[in-house]
Amino acid sequence: MESTLSFISEKLQNAGDTVEEIQNVGNTERLVSVVAGVLLTFYGLKHKETLLGKGLTFAGGLLMTRGTSGFCPVNKAVGRDTSMA
């Protein structure tokens, strides 16, 4: 039982470090991503019967995810990190 509690405690202490390591998008960029994502999603849902509307809804969802999580797989692939800027 003691080893389980110490394991959980260690994981919880390291959780904050993991978040810092994962984020690669700065705060301004995150805010712009969320706003743009909401706008694209709203417009896409208004035109959801068209292929363009579906694509815009999908792209808006990706931007909202990028903004809320602070992680961008494209940034990671090219080695870009704006979270410290």
PDB file of N, CA and C in Angstrom:
ATOM      1  N   MET A   1       0.826  -1.200   0.000  1.00  0.00           N
ATOM      2  CA  MET A   1       0.000   0.000   0.000  1.00  0.00           C
ATOM      3  C   MET A   1       0.867   1.260   0.000  1.00  0.00           C
ATOM      4  N   GLU A   2       1.928   1.240   0.796  1.00  0.00           N
ATOM      5  CA  GLU A   2       2.822   2.388   0.879  1.00  0.00           C
ATOM      6  C   GLU A   2       3.496   2.676  -0.461  1.00  0.00           C
ATOM      7  N   SER A   3       3.911   1.625  -1.142  1.00  0.00           N
ATOM      8  CA  SER A   3       4.578   1.828  -2.425  1.00  0.00           C
ATOM      9  C   SER A   3       3.613   2.405  -3.461  1.00  0.00           C
ATOM     10  N   THR A   4       2.348   2.016  -3.399  1.00  0.00           N
ATOM     11  CA  THR A   4       1.352   2.552  -4.321  1.00  0.00           C
ATOM     12  C   THR A   4       1.140   4.031  -4.075  1.00  0.00           C
ATOM     13  N   LEU A   5       1.055   4.428  -2.813  1.00  0.00           N
ATOM     14  CA  LEU A   5       0.855   5.838  -2.479  1.00  0.00           C
ATOM     15  C   LEU A   5       2.069   6.680  -2.881  1.00  0.00           C
ATOM     16  N   SER A   6       3.250   6.159  -2.665  1.00  0.00           N
ATOM     17  CA  SER A   6       4.436   6.917  -3.054  1.00  0.00           C
ATOM     18  C   SER A   6       4.530   7.013  -4.582  1.00  0.00           C
ATOM     19  N   PHE A   7       4.123   5.959  -5.287  1.00  0.00           N
ATOM     20  CA  PHE A   7       4.114   5.982  -6.751  1.00  0.00           C
ATOM     21  C   PHE A   7       3.158   7.047  -7.262  1.00  0.00           C
ATOM     22  N   ILE A   8       1.960   7.093  -6.708  1.00  0.00           N
ATOM     23  CA  ILE A   8       0.957   8.081  -7.118  1.00  0.00           C
ATOM     24  C   ILE A   8       1.440   9.491  -6.786  1.00  0.00           C
ATOM     25  N   SER A   9       2.017   9.665  -5.608  1.00  0.00           N
ATOM     26  CA  SER A   9       2.522  10.967  -5.205  1.00  0.00           C
ATOM     27  C   SER A   9       3.621  11.446  -6.150  1.00  0.00           C
ATOM     28  N   GLU A  10       4.516  10.559  -6.533  1.00  0.00           N
ATOM     29  CA  GLU A  10       5.595  10.911  -7.452  1.00  0.00           C
ATOM     30  C   GLU A  10       5.041  11.307  -8.822  1.00  0.00           C
ATOM     31  N   LYS A  11       4.049  10.557  -9.304  1.00  0.00           N
ATOM     32  CA  LYS A  11       3.445  10.867 -10.601  1.00  0.00           C
ATOM     33  C   LYS A  11       2.760  12.234 -10.580  1.00  0.00           C
ATOM     34  N   LEU A  12       2.086  12.552  -9.480  1.00  0.00           N
ATOM     35  CA  LEU A  12       1.408  13.839  -9.365  1.00  0.00           C
ATOM     36  C   LEU A  12       2.412  14.994  -9.345  1.00  0.00           C
ATOM     37  N   GLN A  13       3.536  14.802  -8.688  1.00  0.00           N
ATOM     38  CA  GLN A  13       4.552  15.847  -8.637  1.00  0.00           C
ATOM     39  C   GLN A  13       5.180  16.061 -10.005  1.00  0.00           C
ATOM     40  N   ASN A  14       5.318  15.013 -10.783  1.00  0.00           N
ATOM     41  CA  ASN A  14       5.925  15.118 -12.106  1.00  0.00           C
ATOM     42  C   ASN A  14       4.938  15.563 -13.176  1.00  0.00           C
ATOM     43  N   ALA A  15       3.650  15.595 -12.861  1.00  0.00           N
ATOM     44  CA  ALA A  15       2.634  15.962 -13.851  1.00  0.00           C
ATOM     45  C   ALA A  15       2.831  17.400 -14.329  1.00  0.00           C
ATOM     46  N   GLY A  16       3.178  18.310 -13.440  1.00  0.00           N
ATOM     47  CA  GLY A  16       3.412  19.698 -13.818  1.00  0.00           C
ATOM     48  C   GLY A  16       4.573  19.839 -14.779  1.00  0.00           C
ATOM     49  N   ASP A  17       5.622  19.068 -14.567  1.00  0.00           N
ATOM     50  CA  ASP A  17       6.771  19.100 -15.469  1.00  0.00           C
ATOM     51  C   ASP A  17       6.378  18.631 -16.856  1.00  0.00           C
ATOM     52  N   THR A  18       5.528  17.634 -16.937  1.00  0.00           N
ATOM     53  CA  THR A  18       5.102  17.087 -18.214  1.00  0.00           C
ATOM     54  C   THR A  18       4.349  18.132 -19.023  1.00  0.00           C
ATOM     55  N   VAL A  19       3.486  18.892 -18.380  1.00  0.00           N
ATOM     56  CA  VAL A  19       2.714  19.921 -19.079  1.00  0.00           C
ATOM     57  C   VAL A  19       3.653  20.957 -19.672  1.00  0.00           C
ATOM     58  N   GLU A  20       4.656  21.372 -18.919  1.00  0.00           N
ATOM     59  CA  GLU A  20       5.612  22.357 -19.422  1.00  0.00           C
ATOM     60  C   GLU A  20       6.388  21.817 -20.618  1.00  0.00           C
ATOM     61  N   GLU A  21       6.711  20.543 -20.609  1.00  0.00           N
ATOM     62  CA  GLU A  21       7.462  19.946 -21.701  1.00  0.00           C
ATOM     63  C   GLU A  21       6.616  19.818 -22.962  1.00  0.00           C
ATOM     64  N   ILE A  22       5.317  19.619 -22.805  1.00  0.00           N
ATOM     65  CA  ILE A  22       4.441  19.378 -23.942  1.00  0.00           C
ATOM     66  C   ILE A  22       4.057  20.683 -24.644  1.00  0.00           C
ATOM     67  N   GLN A  23       3.856  21.755 -23.914  1.00  0.00           N
ATOM     68  CA  GLN A  23       3.392  22.992 -24.525  1.00  0.00           C
ATOM     69  C   GLN A  23       4.473  23.591 -25.422  1.00  0.00           C
ATOM     70  N   ASN A  24       4.079  23.937 -26.641  1.00  0.00           N
ATOM     71  CA  ASN A  24       5.015  24.558 -27.576  1.00  0.00           C
ATOM     72  C   ASN A  24       4.379  25.734 -28.317  1.00  0.00           C
ATOM     73  N   VAL A  25       3.288  26.274 -27.768  1.00  0.00           N
ATOM     74  CA  VAL A  25       2.595  27.415 -28.364  1.00  0.00           C
ATOM     75  C   VAL A  25       2.465  28.494 -27.292  1.00  0.00           C
ATOM     76  N   GLY A  26       2.877  29.722 -27.629  1.00  0.00           N
ATOM     77  CA  GLY A  26       2.814  30.830 -26.683  1.00  0.00           C
ATOM     78  C   GLY A  26       1.389  31.297 -26.415  1.00  0.00           C
ATOM     79  N   ASN A  27       1.227  32.091 -25.370  1.00  0.00           N
ATOM     80  CA  ASN A  27      -0.103  32.526 -24.934  1.00  0.00           C
ATOM     81  C   ASN A  27      -0.833  33.364 -25.975  1.00  0.00           C
ATOM     82  N   THR A  28      -0.149  34.294 -26.626  1.00  0.00           N
ATOM     83  CA  THR A  28      -0.802  35.116 -27.653  1.00  0.00           C
ATOM     84  C   THR A  28      -1.266  34.242 -28.812  1.00  0.00           C
ATOM     85  N   GLU A  29      -0.402  33.338 -29.219  1.00  0.00           N
ATOM     86  CA  GLU A  29      -0.733  32.430 -30.314  1.00  0.00           C
ATOM     87  C   GLU A  29      -1.892  31.508 -29.926  1.00  0.00           C
ATOM     88  N   ARG A  30      -1.943  31.104 -28.664  1.00  0.00           N
ATOM     89  CA  ARG A  30      -3.047  30.262 -28.192  1.00  0.00           C
ATOM     90  C   ARG A  30      -4.366  31.015 -28.249  1.00  0.00           C
ATOM     91  N   LEU A  31      -4.356  32.265 -27.818  1.00  0.00           N
ATOM     92  CA  LEU A  31      -5.580  33.071 -27.834  1.00  0.00           C
ATOM     93  C   LEU A  31      -6.076  33.277 -29.263  1.00  0.00           C
ATOM     94  N   VAL A  32      -5.164  33.586 -30.169  1.00  0.00           N
ATOM     95  CA  VAL A  32      -5.539  33.782 -31.576  1.00  0.00           C
ATOM     96  C   VAL A  32      -6.090  32.480 -32.156  1.00  0.00           C
ATOM     97  N   SER A  33      -5.484  31.354 -31.791  1.00  0.00           N
ATOM     98  CA  SER A  33      -5.954  30.058 -32.293  1.00  0.00           C
ATOM     99  C   SER A  33      -7.376  29.767 -31.825  1.00  0.00           C
ATOM    100  N   VAL A  34      -7.664  30.040 -30.562  1.00  0.00           N
ATOM    101  CA  VAL A  34      -9.013  29.775 -30.042  1.00  0.00           C
ATOM    102  C   VAL A  34     -10.036  30.662 -30.733  1.00  0.00           C
ATOM    103  N   VAL A  35      -9.738  31.956 -30.860  1.00  0.00           N
ATOM    104  CA  VAL A  35     -10.688  32.879 -31.494  1.00  0.00           C
ATOM    105  C   VAL A  35     -10.913  32.486 -32.953  1.00  0.00           C
ATOM    106  N   ALA A  36      -9.836  32.219 -33.681  1.00  0.00           N
ATOM    107  CA  ALA A  36      -9.969  31.819 -35.083  1.00  0.00           C
ATOM    108  C   ALA A  36     -10.708  30.487 -35.197  1.00  0.00           C
ATOM    109  N   GLY A  37     -10.435  29.581 -34.276  1.00  0.00           N
ATOM    110  CA  GLY A  37     -11.112  28.288 -34.285  1.00  0.00           C
ATOM    111  C   GLY A  37     -12.606  28.411 -34.066  1.00  0.00           C
ATOM    112  N   VAL A  38     -12.984  29.263 -33.138  1.00  0.00           N
ATOM    113  CA  VAL A  38     -14.420  29.475 -32.877  1.00  0.00           C
ATOM    114  C   VAL A  38     -15.093  30.072 -34.106  1.00  0.00           C
ATOM    115  N   LEU A  39     -14.448  31.070 -34.713  1.00  0.00           N
ATOM    116  CA  LEU A  39     -15.034  31.708 -35.897  1.00  0.00           C
ATOM    117  C   LEU A  39     -15.160  30.731 -37.067  1.00  0.00           C
ATOM    118  N   LEU A  40     -14.105  29.948 -37.320  1.00  0.00           N
ATOM    119  CA  LEU A  40     -14.164  28.970 -38.413  1.00  0.00           C
ATOM    120  C   LEU A  40     -15.223  27.900 -38.150  1.00  0.00           C
ATOM    121  N   THR A  41     -15.290  27.446 -36.912  1.00  0.00           N
ATOM    122  CA  THR A  41     -16.283  26.422 -36.572  1.00  0.00           C
ATOM    123  C   THR A  41     -17.695  26.963 -36.737  1.00  0.00           C
ATOM    124  N   PHE A  42     -17.931  28.171 -36.265  1.00  0.00           N
ATOM    125  CA  PHE A  42     -19.253  28.781 -36.398  1.00  0.00           C
ATOM    126  C   PHE A  42     -19.649  28.911 -37.869  1.00  0.00           C
ATOM    127  N   TYR A  43     -18.727  29.430 -38.685  1.00  0.00           N
ATOM    128  CA  TYR A  43     -19.009  29.589 -40.110  1.00  0.00           C
ATOM    129  C   TYR A  43     -19.205  28.227 -40.778  1.00  0.00           C
ATOM    130  N   GLY A  44     -18.380  27.272 -40.415  1.00  0.00           N
ATOM    131  CA  GLY A  44     -18.490  25.932 -40.991  1.00  0.00           C
ATOM    132  C   GLY A  44     -19.803  25.260 -40.654  1.00  0.00           C
ATOM    133  N   LEU A  45     -20.269  25.450 -39.425  1.00  0.00           N
ATOM    134  CA  LEU A  45     -21.544  24.847 -39.026  1.00  0.00           C
ATOM    135  C   LEU A  45     -22.729  25.507 -39.722  1.00  0.00           C
ATOM    136  N   LYS A  46     -22.593  26.784 -40.046  1.00  0.00           N
ATOM    137  CA  LYS A  46     -23.663  27.453 -40.798  1.00  0.00           C
ATOM    138  C   LYS A  46     -23.775  26.888 -42.211  1.00  0.00           C
ATOM    139  N   HIS A  47     -22.676  26.351 -42.734  1.00  0.00           N
ATOM    140  CA  HIS A  47     -22.643  25.795 -44.088  1.00  0.00           C
ATOM    141  C   HIS A  47     -22.273  24.313 -44.045  1.00  0.00           C
ATOM    142  N   LYS A  48     -22.839  23.605 -43.081  1.00  0.00           N
ATOM    143  CA  LYS A  48     -22.425  22.218 -42.842  1.00  0.00           C
ATOM    144  C   LYS A  48     -22.819  21.242 -43.952  1.00  0.00           C
ATOM    145  N   GLU A  49     -23.709  21.632 -44.839  1.00  0.00           N
ATOM    146  CA  GLU A  49     -24.105  20.724 -45.918  1.00  0.00           C
ATOM    147  C   GLU A  49     -23.106  20.706 -47.071  1.00  0.00           C
ATOM    148  N   THR A  50     -22.174  21.671 -47.086  1.00  0.00           N
ATOM    149  CA  THR A  50     -21.176  21.715 -48.154  1.00  0.00           C
ATOM    150  C   THR A  50     -19.859  21.107 -47.681  1.00  0.00           C
ATOM    151  N   LEU A  51     -19.036  20.714 -48.628  1.00  0.00           N
ATOM    152  CA  LEU A  51     -17.727  20.160 -48.301  1.00  0.00           C
ATOM    153  C   LEU A  51     -16.837  21.229 -47.653  1.00  0.00           C
ATOM    154  N   LEU A  52     -16.934  22.458 -48.133  1.00  0.00           N
ATOM    155  CA  LEU A  52     -16.165  23.553 -47.548  1.00  0.00           C
ATOM    156  C   LEU A  52     -16.556  23.773 -46.085  1.00  0.00           C
ATOM    157  N   GLY A  53     -17.859  23.741 -45.809  1.00  0.00           N
ATOM    158  CA  GLY A  53     -18.333  23.924 -44.439  1.00  0.00           C
ATOM    159  C   GLY A  53     -17.806  22.846 -43.513  1.00  0.00           C
ATOM    160  N   LYS A  54     -17.802  21.610 -43.995  1.00  0.00           N
ATOM    161  CA  LYS A  54     -17.283  20.507 -43.177  1.00  0.00           C
ATOM    162  C   LYS A  54     -15.793  20.667 -42.926  1.00  0.00           C
ATOM    163  N   GLY A  55     -15.067  21.097 -43.955  1.00  0.00           N
ATOM    164  CA  GLY A  55     -13.630  21.317 -43.800  1.00  0.00           C
ATOM    165  C   GLY A  55     -13.316  22.441 -42.828  1.00  0.00           C
ATOM    166  N   LEU A  56     -14.086  23.528 -42.907  1.00  0.00           N
ATOM    167  CA  LEU A  56     -13.876  24.651 -41.997  1.00  0.00           C
ATOM    168  C   LEU A  56     -14.216  24.275 -40.556  1.00  0.00           C
ATOM    169  N   THR A  57     -15.247  23.473 -40.382  1.00  0.00           N
ATOM    170  CA  THR A  57     -15.595  23.007 -39.043  1.00  0.00           C
ATOM    171  C   THR A  57     -14.461  22.164 -38.463  1.00  0.00           C
ATOM    172  N   PHE A  58     -13.906  21.285 -39.275  1.00  0.00           N
ATOM    173  CA  PHE A  58     -12.793  20.448 -38.836  1.00  0.00           C
ATOM    174  C   PHE A  58     -11.568  21.298 -38.495  1.00  0.00           C
ATOM    175  N   ALA A  59     -11.221  22.234 -39.376  1.00  0.00           N
ATOM    176  CA  ALA A  59     -10.065  23.098 -39.142  1.00  0.00           C
ATOM    177  C   ALA A  59     -10.263  23.953 -37.892  1.00  0.00           C
ATOM    178  N   GLY A  60     -11.482  24.444 -37.691  1.00  0.00           N
ATOM    179  CA  GLY A  60     -11.782  25.227 -36.496  1.00  0.00           C
ATOM    180  C   GLY A  60     -11.612  24.410 -35.231  1.00  0.00           C
ATOM    181  N   GLY A  61     -12.040  23.162 -35.280  1.00  0.00           N
ATOM    182  CA  GLY A  61     -11.861  22.279 -34.127  1.00  0.00           C
ATOM    183  C   GLY A  61     -10.395  22.035 -33.819  1.00  0.00           C
ATOM    184  N   LEU A  62      -9.591  21.867 -34.855  1.00  0.00           N
ATOM    185  CA  LEU A  62      -8.149  21.687 -34.650  1.00  0.00           C
ATOM    186  C   LEU A  62      -7.522  22.932 -34.029  1.00  0.00           C
ATOM    187  N   LEU A  63      -7.923  24.103 -34.508  1.00  0.00           N
ATOM    188  CA  LEU A  63      -7.381  25.340 -33.946  1.00  0.00           C
ATOM    189  C   LEU A  63      -7.798  25.532 -32.489  1.00  0.00           C
ATOM    190  N   MET A  64      -9.042  25.193 -32.167  1.00  0.00           N
ATOM    191  CA  MET A  64      -9.488  25.311 -30.777  1.00  0.00           C
ATOM    192  C   MET A  64      -8.719  24.339 -29.878  1.00  0.00           C
ATOM    193  N   THR A  65      -8.466  23.137 -30.374  1.00  0.00           N
ATOM    194  CA  THR A  65      -7.685  22.167 -29.607  1.00  0.00           C
ATOM    195  C   THR A  65      -6.262  22.669 -29.399  1.00  0.00           C
ATOM    196  N   ARG A  66      -5.671  23.222 -30.440  1.00  0.00           N
ATOM    197  CA  ARG A  66      -4.313  23.783 -30.364  1.00  0.00           C
ATOM    198  C   ARG A  66      -4.256  24.898 -29.329  1.00  0.00           C
ATOM    199  N   GLY A  67      -5.257  25.769 -29.354  1.00  0.00           N
ATOM    200  CA  GLY A  67      -5.268  26.894 -28.423  1.00  0.00           C
ATOM    201  C   GLY A  67      -5.508  26.497 -26.987  1.00  0.00           C
ATOM    202  N   THR A  68      -6.395  25.548 -26.763  1.00  0.00           N
ATOM    203  CA  THR A  68      -6.699  25.161 -25.391  1.00  0.00           C
ATOM    204  C   THR A  68      -5.625  24.267 -24.784  1.00  0.00           C
ATOM    205  N   SER A  69      -4.983  23.438 -25.602  1.00  0.00           N
ATOM    206  CA  SER A  69      -3.965  22.536 -25.067  1.00  0.00           C
ATOM    207  C   SER A  69      -2.577  23.173 -25.037  1.00  0.00           C
ATOM    208  N   GLY A  70      -2.313  24.111 -25.935  1.00  0.00           N
ATOM    209  CA  GLY A  70      -0.998  24.719 -26.013  1.00  0.00           C
ATOM    210  C   GLY A  70       0.007  23.858 -26.751  1.00  0.00           C
ATOM    211  N   PHE A  71      -0.462  22.819 -27.426  1.00  0.00           N
ATOM    212  CA  PHE A  71       0.422  21.923 -28.165  1.00  0.00           C
ATOM    213  C   PHE A  71       0.058  21.933 -29.640  1.00  0.00           C
ATOM    214  N   CYS A  72       1.078  22.001 -30.495  1.00  0.00           N
ATOM    215  CA  CYS A  72       0.880  21.949 -31.935  1.00  0.00           C
ATOM    216  C   CYS A  72       1.816  20.897 -32.518  1.00  0.00           C
ATOM    217  N   PRO A  73       1.266  19.837 -33.127  1.00  0.00           N
ATOM    218  CA  PRO A  73       2.126  18.802 -33.693  1.00  0.00           C
ATOM    219  C   PRO A  73       2.993  19.311 -34.847  1.00  0.00           C
ATOM    220  N   VAL A  74       2.531  20.326 -35.571  1.00  0.00           N
ATOM    221  CA  VAL A  74       3.334  20.891 -36.652  1.00  0.00           C
ATOM    222  C   VAL A  74       4.551  21.602 -36.058  1.00  0.00           C
ATOM    223  N   ASN A  75       4.342  22.372 -34.989  1.00  0.00           N
ATOM    224  CA  ASN A  75       5.473  23.016 -34.311  1.00  0.00           C
ATOM    225  C   ASN A  75       6.488  21.977 -33.855  1.00  0.00           C
ATOM    226  N   LYS A  76       6.011  20.885 -33.307  1.00  0.00           N
ATOM    227  CA  LYS A  76       6.914  19.838 -32.830  1.00  0.00           C
ATOM    228  C   LYS A  76       7.697  19.233 -33.993  1.00  0.00           C
ATOM    229  N   ALA A  77       7.031  19.016 -35.117  1.00  0.00           N
ATOM    230  CA  ALA A  77       7.675  18.393 -36.270  1.00  0.00           C
ATOM    231  C   ALA A  77       8.795  19.269 -36.843  1.00  0.00           C
ATOM    232  N   VAL A  78       8.607  20.582 -36.799  1.00  0.00           N
ATOM    233  CA  VAL A  78       9.629  21.474 -37.354  1.00  0.00           C
ATOM    234  C   VAL A  78      10.577  22.024 -36.285  1.00  0.00           C
ATOM    235  N   GLY A  79      10.370  21.629 -35.031  1.00  0.00           N
ATOM    236  CA  GLY A  79      11.253  22.064 -33.959  1.00  0.00           C
ATOM    237  C   GLY A  79      11.016  23.485 -33.501  1.00  0.00           C
ATOM    238  N   ARG A  80       9.801  23.971 -33.628  1.00  0.00           N
ATOM    239  CA  ARG A  80       9.452  25.357 -33.259  1.00  0.00           C
ATOM    240  C   ARG A  80       8.792  25.361 -31.892  1.00  0.00           C
ATOM    241  N   ASP A  81       9.198  26.286 -31.024  1.00  0.00           N
ATOM    242  CA  ASP A  81       8.603  26.401 -29.693  1.00  0.00           C
ATOM    243  C   ASP A  81       8.453  27.878 -29.367  1.00  0.00           C
ATOM    244  N   THR A  82       7.214  28.367 -29.352  1.00  0.00           N
ATOM    245  CA  THR A  82       6.961  29.774 -29.041  1.00  0.00           C
ATOM    246  C   THR A  82       6.439  29.967 -27.628  1.00  0.00           C
ATOM    247  N   SER A  83       6.396  28.901 -26.837  1.00  0.00           N
ATOM    248  CA  SER A  83       5.846  29.012 -25.495  1.00  0.00           C
ATOM    249  C   SER A  83       6.743  29.813 -24.564  1.00  0.00           C
ATOM    250  N   MET A  84       8.014  29.881 -24.849  1.00  0.00           N
ATOM    251  CA  MET A  84       8.945  30.621 -23.999  1.00  0.00           C
ATOM    252  C   MET A  84       9.181  32.047 -24.479  1.00  0.00           C
ATOM    253  N   ALA A  85       8.665  32.380 -25.641  1.00  0.00           N
ATOM    254  CA  ALA A  85       8.905  33.714 -26.210  1.00  0.00           C
ATOM    255  C   ALA A  85       8.071  34.764 -25.549  1.00  0.00           C
TER     256      ALA A  85
END
